[in-house]
Amino acid sequence: MDYATFIKQAERGEAPALALLHGGDVQLLDDALDAATRGLFPDRAMAAWGREVFDARESNADEIVRSASTLPLGVDRRLVAVRRAQALAAKGAEMLGGYAKSPNPASCLLLLADEPLRASRDRRTDHWLLGALPAAAIVELPTRGARDLAGWIRQRAALEGLTISDEAARLLVELTGEDTATLLGEARKAALAGGPDNRNVGVKDVGAIVGVATLLVAGTIGLAQADKIALLAIHWPTSATTQVFRNMAVDRAIEITEFADDYRELDWQPISIPK
């Protein structure tokens, strides 16, 4: 099963009896847990009766399986979620593997591992969970490029009633980076930049709040060993406008004028620093 299929099933209240989601994107894991919770408990107050969340650093397979095997009370199905599932001790493989052969249909056991579990440069072998559970129960989190992330943040923000323009979404990704939790947090802040009741996020809202360097009349940007500036955003508070320049050369002085379409290079000579 892929991640998108899991989310669709979970939102319909049809989360599988057993699923292991793994990958480094914590926000996607949080979204999966939230989708399963909303699907199983349309009345969120009922989650108090039917949802139990464990942290694998403080729990073991025995108590997790015991919880998942418990029949629901006052709800149709139980939801048992395990955060940081990669921390489960390997001695629990037999217990968890036995449960996986015949999981309780009245429960959804959701194992959430916030790191990739496949063998890689950082992991010599597959995590034992991948061998203990059936392949059909394993969901690997997707990796996203910048374009995919821009689409994702628009869709994810829409769940919270926010509308982000396509250009604002791309700018968010460029300024914030690829961490989805940070992206969502910055989108929320950008919405607030337009006022407490604002639900539409545009470029000026992003420029007002996200990753913008405010310069004085003259300023210096240190770039270490960089050979270019991928993106420079300047926000002008008075006019609430944002100028964005991309792929700029280094080792030069420039002048940026509010509302101008481009910057102007200044004829300043570099100063040699004595060794």
Protein backbone atom coordinates (compact mmCIF):
# COMPACT_ATOMS: atom_id res chain seq x y z
CA MET A 1 0.00 0.00 0.00
CA ASP A 2 1.27 3.49 -0.74
CA TYR A 3 0.85 6.50 1.53
CA ALA A 4 -1.88 8.20 -0.54
CA THR A 5 -3.99 5.02 -0.51
CA PHE A 6 -3.57 4.70 3.26
CA ILE A 7 -4.72 8.29 3.82
CA LYS A 8 -7.81 7.83 1.63
CA GLN A 9 -8.80 4.63 3.43
CA ALA A 10 -8.13 6.17 6.85
CA GLU A 11 -10.24 9.24 6.09
CA ARG A 12 -13.15 6.97 5.11
CA GLY A 13 -12.90 5.19 8.44
CA GLU A 14 -11.43 2.12 6.75
CA ALA A 15 -7.91 2.14 8.16
CA PRO A 16 -6.37 -1.37 7.97
CA ALA A 17 -6.17 -3.55 11.04
CA LEU A 18 -2.37 -3.26 10.95
CA ALA A 19 -0.04 -0.78 9.27
CA LEU A 20 3.60 0.25 9.66
CA LEU A 21 4.45 3.69 8.26
CA HIS A 22 8.12 4.57 8.13
CA GLY A 23 10.24 7.48 6.91
CA GLY A 24 11.83 10.68 8.09
CA ASP A 25 8.89 13.03 7.46
CA VAL A 26 7.30 13.51 10.89
CA GLN A 27 4.53 15.73 9.52
CA LEU A 28 3.33 12.97 7.19
CA LEU A 29 3.24 10.58 10.13
CA ASP A 30 1.22 13.10 12.15
CA ASP A 31 -1.15 13.54 9.19
CA ALA A 32 -1.62 9.76 8.96
CA LEU A 33 -2.50 9.51 12.65
CA ASP A 34 -4.85 12.46 12.34
CA ALA A 35 -6.56 10.95 9.27
CA ALA A 36 -7.07 7.64 11.07
CA THR A 37 -8.43 9.46 14.13
CA ARG A 38 -10.86 11.57 12.10
CA GLY A 39 -12.02 8.55 10.11
CA LEU A 40 -12.64 6.30 13.11
CA PHE A 41 -13.98 9.00 15.43
CA PRO A 42 -16.02 11.62 13.53
CA ASP A 43 -17.01 12.85 16.98
CA ARG A 44 -13.52 13.63 18.29
CA ALA A 45 -14.73 13.34 21.86
CA MET A 46 -15.11 9.59 21.28
CA ALA A 47 -11.37 9.28 20.68
CA ALA A 48 -10.95 9.42 24.44
CA TRP A 49 -12.76 6.07 24.59
CA GLY A 50 -11.21 4.34 21.63
CA ARG A 51 -7.71 5.72 20.98
CA GLU A 52 -4.49 4.85 22.78
CA VAL A 53 -1.08 6.25 21.81
CA PHE A 54 2.18 4.62 22.91
CA ASP A 55 5.79 5.79 22.68
CA ALA A 56 7.94 2.79 21.74
CA ARG A 57 10.84 4.15 23.80
CA GLU A 58 8.74 3.57 26.91
CA SER A 59 6.64 0.56 25.83
CA ASN A 60 7.13 -3.02 24.70
CA ALA A 61 5.48 -5.30 22.17
CA ASP A 62 3.56 -7.23 24.84
CA GLU A 63 1.59 -4.25 26.13
CA ILE A 64 1.03 -2.89 22.63
CA VAL A 65 -0.37 -6.20 21.37
CA ARG A 66 -2.48 -6.51 24.50
CA SER A 67 -4.00 -3.10 23.85
CA ALA A 68 -4.62 -3.85 20.17
CA SER A 69 -6.32 -7.13 21.14
CA THR A 70 -8.76 -5.37 23.46
CA LEU A 71 -12.36 -5.16 22.23
CA PRO A 72 -13.80 -1.66 21.74
CA LEU A 73 -16.11 -0.12 24.34
CA GLY A 74 -18.54 2.57 23.28
CA VAL A 75 -17.00 2.86 19.78
CA ASP A 76 -16.99 0.68 16.67
CA ARG A 77 -13.20 0.24 16.46
CA ARG A 78 -10.16 1.03 18.55
CA LEU A 79 -7.11 2.93 17.33
CA VAL A 80 -3.77 1.95 18.85
CA ALA A 81 -0.88 4.12 17.63
CA VAL A 82 2.80 3.62 18.41
CA ARG A 83 5.11 6.57 17.87
CA ARG A 84 8.84 5.99 17.24
CA ALA A 85 8.11 2.35 16.47
CA GLN A 86 11.73 1.82 15.40
CA ALA A 87 12.65 1.86 19.11
CA LEU A 88 10.76 -1.39 19.80
CA ALA A 89 13.16 -4.08 21.00
CA ALA A 90 13.78 -6.98 18.63
CA LYS A 91 12.78 -9.45 21.37
CA GLY A 92 9.20 -8.43 20.60
CA ALA A 93 9.38 -9.78 17.05
CA GLU A 94 7.68 -13.08 17.89
CA MET A 95 4.83 -11.40 19.78
CA LEU A 96 4.21 -8.77 17.12
CA GLY A 97 4.68 -11.23 14.26
CA GLY A 98 2.13 -13.58 15.82
CA TYR A 99 -0.39 -10.76 16.14
CA ALA A 100 0.23 -9.71 12.52
CA LYS A 101 -0.91 -13.14 11.31
CA SER A 102 -4.38 -12.57 12.74
CA PRO A 103 -4.87 -8.94 13.81
CA ASN A 104 -7.95 -7.88 15.72
CA PRO A 105 -10.42 -6.55 13.09
CA ALA A 106 -11.99 -4.33 15.75
CA SER A 107 -8.72 -2.42 16.13
CA CYS A 108 -6.33 -0.47 13.94
CA LEU A 109 -2.74 -0.93 15.11
CA LEU A 110 -0.73 1.91 13.59
CA LEU A 111 3.06 1.71 13.96
CA LEU A 112 4.77 5.03 13.17
CA ALA A 113 8.55 4.96 12.66
CA ASP A 114 10.06 8.41 12.14
CA GLU A 115 13.09 7.16 10.22
CA PRO A 116 13.51 4.94 7.13
CA LEU A 117 13.72 1.26 8.07
CA ARG A 118 15.25 -0.09 4.85
CA ALA A 119 18.93 -0.87 4.65
CA SER A 120 20.90 2.22 3.62
CA ARG A 121 24.15 4.04 4.21
CA ASP A 122 22.96 4.78 7.75
CA ARG A 123 21.49 1.32 8.39
CA ARG A 124 23.40 -1.84 7.54
CA THR A 125 20.35 -4.10 7.38
CA ASP A 126 16.58 -3.78 7.28
CA HIS A 127 14.93 -3.12 10.63
CA TRP A 128 13.45 -6.27 12.17
CA LEU A 129 9.92 -4.81 11.91
CA LEU A 130 10.07 -5.15 8.11
CA GLY A 131 10.57 -8.89 8.47
CA ALA A 132 8.04 -9.39 11.24
CA LEU A 133 5.11 -7.78 9.42
CA PRO A 134 3.50 -8.73 6.10
CA ALA A 135 4.57 -6.62 3.13
CA ALA A 136 0.98 -5.48 2.58
CA ALA A 137 1.02 -3.75 5.98
CA ILE A 138 4.16 -1.69 5.27
CA VAL A 139 3.84 1.89 4.00
CA GLU A 140 6.98 3.78 3.03
CA LEU A 141 6.63 7.54 3.23
CA PRO A 142 7.05 9.32 -0.11
CA THR A 143 9.96 11.64 -0.80
CA ARG A 144 9.03 14.91 -2.46
CA GLY A 145 10.74 17.37 -4.74
CA ALA A 146 10.16 21.12 -4.53
CA ARG A 147 7.27 21.02 -7.02
CA ASP A 148 5.57 18.17 -5.14
CA LEU A 149 6.03 20.02 -1.85
CA ALA A 150 4.37 23.15 -3.22
CA GLY A 151 1.33 21.08 -4.17
CA TRP A 152 1.40 19.26 -0.85
CA ILE A 153 1.45 22.43 1.28
CA ARG A 154 -1.52 23.82 -0.66
CA GLN A 155 -3.51 20.63 -0.11
CA ARG A 156 -2.48 20.30 3.53
CA ALA A 157 -3.27 23.93 4.32
CA ALA A 158 -6.68 23.53 2.65
CA LEU A 159 -7.56 20.99 5.35
CA GLU A 160 -7.25 23.88 7.81
CA GLY A 161 -9.31 26.25 5.67
CA LEU A 162 -6.30 28.10 4.23
CA THR A 163 -5.95 28.91 0.54
CA ILE A 164 -2.35 29.36 -0.61
CA SER A 165 -1.66 30.67 -4.10
CA ASP A 166 0.60 28.59 -6.32
CA GLU A 167 3.31 31.28 -6.39
CA ALA A 168 3.14 31.70 -2.60
CA ALA A 169 3.45 27.93 -2.14
CA ARG A 170 6.56 27.79 -4.33
CA LEU A 171 8.08 30.73 -2.45
CA LEU A 172 7.36 29.02 0.86
CA VAL A 173 9.27 25.94 -0.27
CA GLU A 174 12.20 27.99 -1.58
CA LEU A 175 12.51 30.07 1.58
CA THR A 176 11.70 27.40 4.17
CA GLY A 177 13.17 24.20 2.75
CA GLU A 178 11.79 20.68 2.50
CA ASP A 179 10.86 19.91 6.11
CA THR A 180 7.08 19.56 5.94
CA ALA A 181 6.43 20.35 9.61
CA THR A 182 8.33 23.63 9.23
CA LEU A 183 6.52 24.37 5.97
CA LEU A 184 3.13 23.97 7.57
CA GLY A 185 4.11 26.08 10.56
CA GLU A 186 5.35 28.89 8.34
CA ALA A 187 2.17 28.72 6.22
CA ARG A 188 0.11 29.23 9.35
CA LYS A 189 2.24 32.21 10.35
CA ALA A 190 1.97 33.68 6.85
CA ALA A 191 -1.82 33.50 7.08
CA LEU A 192 -1.73 35.44 10.35
CA ALA A 193 0.38 38.13 8.67
CA GLY A 194 -2.78 39.12 6.79
CA GLY A 195 -4.79 39.47 10.00
CA PRO A 196 -6.38 37.12 12.53
CA ASP A 197 -9.28 36.24 10.21
CA ASN A 198 -7.24 35.95 7.01
CA ARG A 199 -7.59 32.59 5.22
CA ASN A 200 -5.82 33.45 1.95
CA VAL A 201 -2.03 33.36 1.72
CA GLY A 202 -0.27 35.23 -1.08
CA VAL A 203 3.32 36.15 -1.87
CA LYS A 204 3.23 39.29 0.27
CA ASP A 205 2.07 37.28 3.29
CA VAL A 206 4.91 34.81 2.82
CA GLY A 207 7.43 37.61 2.36
CA ALA A 208 6.18 39.33 5.51
CA ILE A 209 6.90 36.42 7.80
CA VAL A 210 9.00 33.62 6.28
CA GLY A 211 12.77 33.55 6.11
CA VAL A 212 13.22 37.11 4.88
CA ALA A 213 16.36 39.05 5.67
CA THR A 214 15.60 42.70 6.43
CA LEU A 215 18.52 44.91 5.45
CA LEU A 216 19.32 48.42 6.55
CA VAL A 217 20.36 51.12 4.08
CA ALA A 218 23.55 49.17 3.57
CA GLY A 219 24.28 45.62 4.57
CA THR A 220 26.59 42.70 3.94
CA ILE A 221 25.54 39.10 3.41
CA GLY A 222 28.19 36.53 4.29
CA LEU A 223 28.14 33.52 1.96
CA ALA A 224 31.19 31.54 3.06
CA GLN A 225 32.19 29.29 0.12
CA ALA A 226 28.95 29.66 -1.86
CA ASP A 227 29.38 30.47 -5.56
CA LYS A 228 25.93 31.98 -6.05
CA ILE A 229 22.82 33.15 -4.22
CA ALA A 230 19.97 30.79 -5.09
CA LEU A 231 17.29 33.15 -3.79
CA LEU A 232 17.14 36.56 -2.11
CA ALA A 233 13.81 37.93 -0.88
CA ILE A 234 13.41 41.52 0.29
CA HIS A 235 10.25 42.55 2.13
CA TRP A 236 9.27 46.23 2.35
CA PRO A 237 7.06 46.63 5.44
CA THR A 238 5.51 49.98 4.55
CA SER A 239 4.20 48.92 1.13
CA ALA A 240 3.87 45.24 2.14
CA THR A 241 5.60 44.21 -1.08
CA THR A 242 8.20 41.51 -1.56
CA GLN A 243 10.88 41.37 -4.25
CA VAL A 244 12.44 38.02 -5.10
CA PHE A 245 15.69 37.59 -7.02
CA ARG A 246 17.16 34.23 -8.04
CA ASN A 247 20.54 32.83 -9.11
CA MET A 248 22.53 35.94 -8.24
CA ALA A 249 26.27 36.16 -8.64
CA VAL A 250 28.46 36.66 -5.56
CA ASP A 251 31.36 39.00 -4.72
CA ARG A 252 29.69 42.21 -5.80
CA ALA A 253 27.75 45.17 -4.44
CA ILE A 254 24.18 45.73 -5.54
CA GLU A 255 21.45 48.31 -5.02
CA ILE A 256 17.83 47.22 -4.69
CA THR A 257 15.08 49.78 -5.10
CA GLU A 258 11.54 49.21 -3.92
CA PHE A 259 9.17 48.25 -6.79
CA ALA A 260 12.07 47.89 -9.27
CA ASP A 261 12.01 44.84 -11.55
CA ASP A 262 15.73 44.19 -11.13
CA TYR A 263 18.66 45.20 -8.95
CA ARG A 264 21.57 47.44 -10.03
CA GLU A 265 25.20 46.45 -9.70
CA LEU A 266 27.45 49.08 -8.11
CA ASP A 267 30.97 49.81 -9.25
CA TRP A 268 32.62 49.04 -5.93
CA GLN A 269 36.13 47.63 -5.91
CA PRO A 270 36.91 44.72 -3.58
CA ILE A 271 39.25 45.41 -0.67
CA SER A 272 42.11 42.99 -0.22
CA ILE A 273 42.63 41.84 3.35
CA PRO A 274 46.30 41.56 4.28
CA LYS A 275 47.36 38.06 5.25
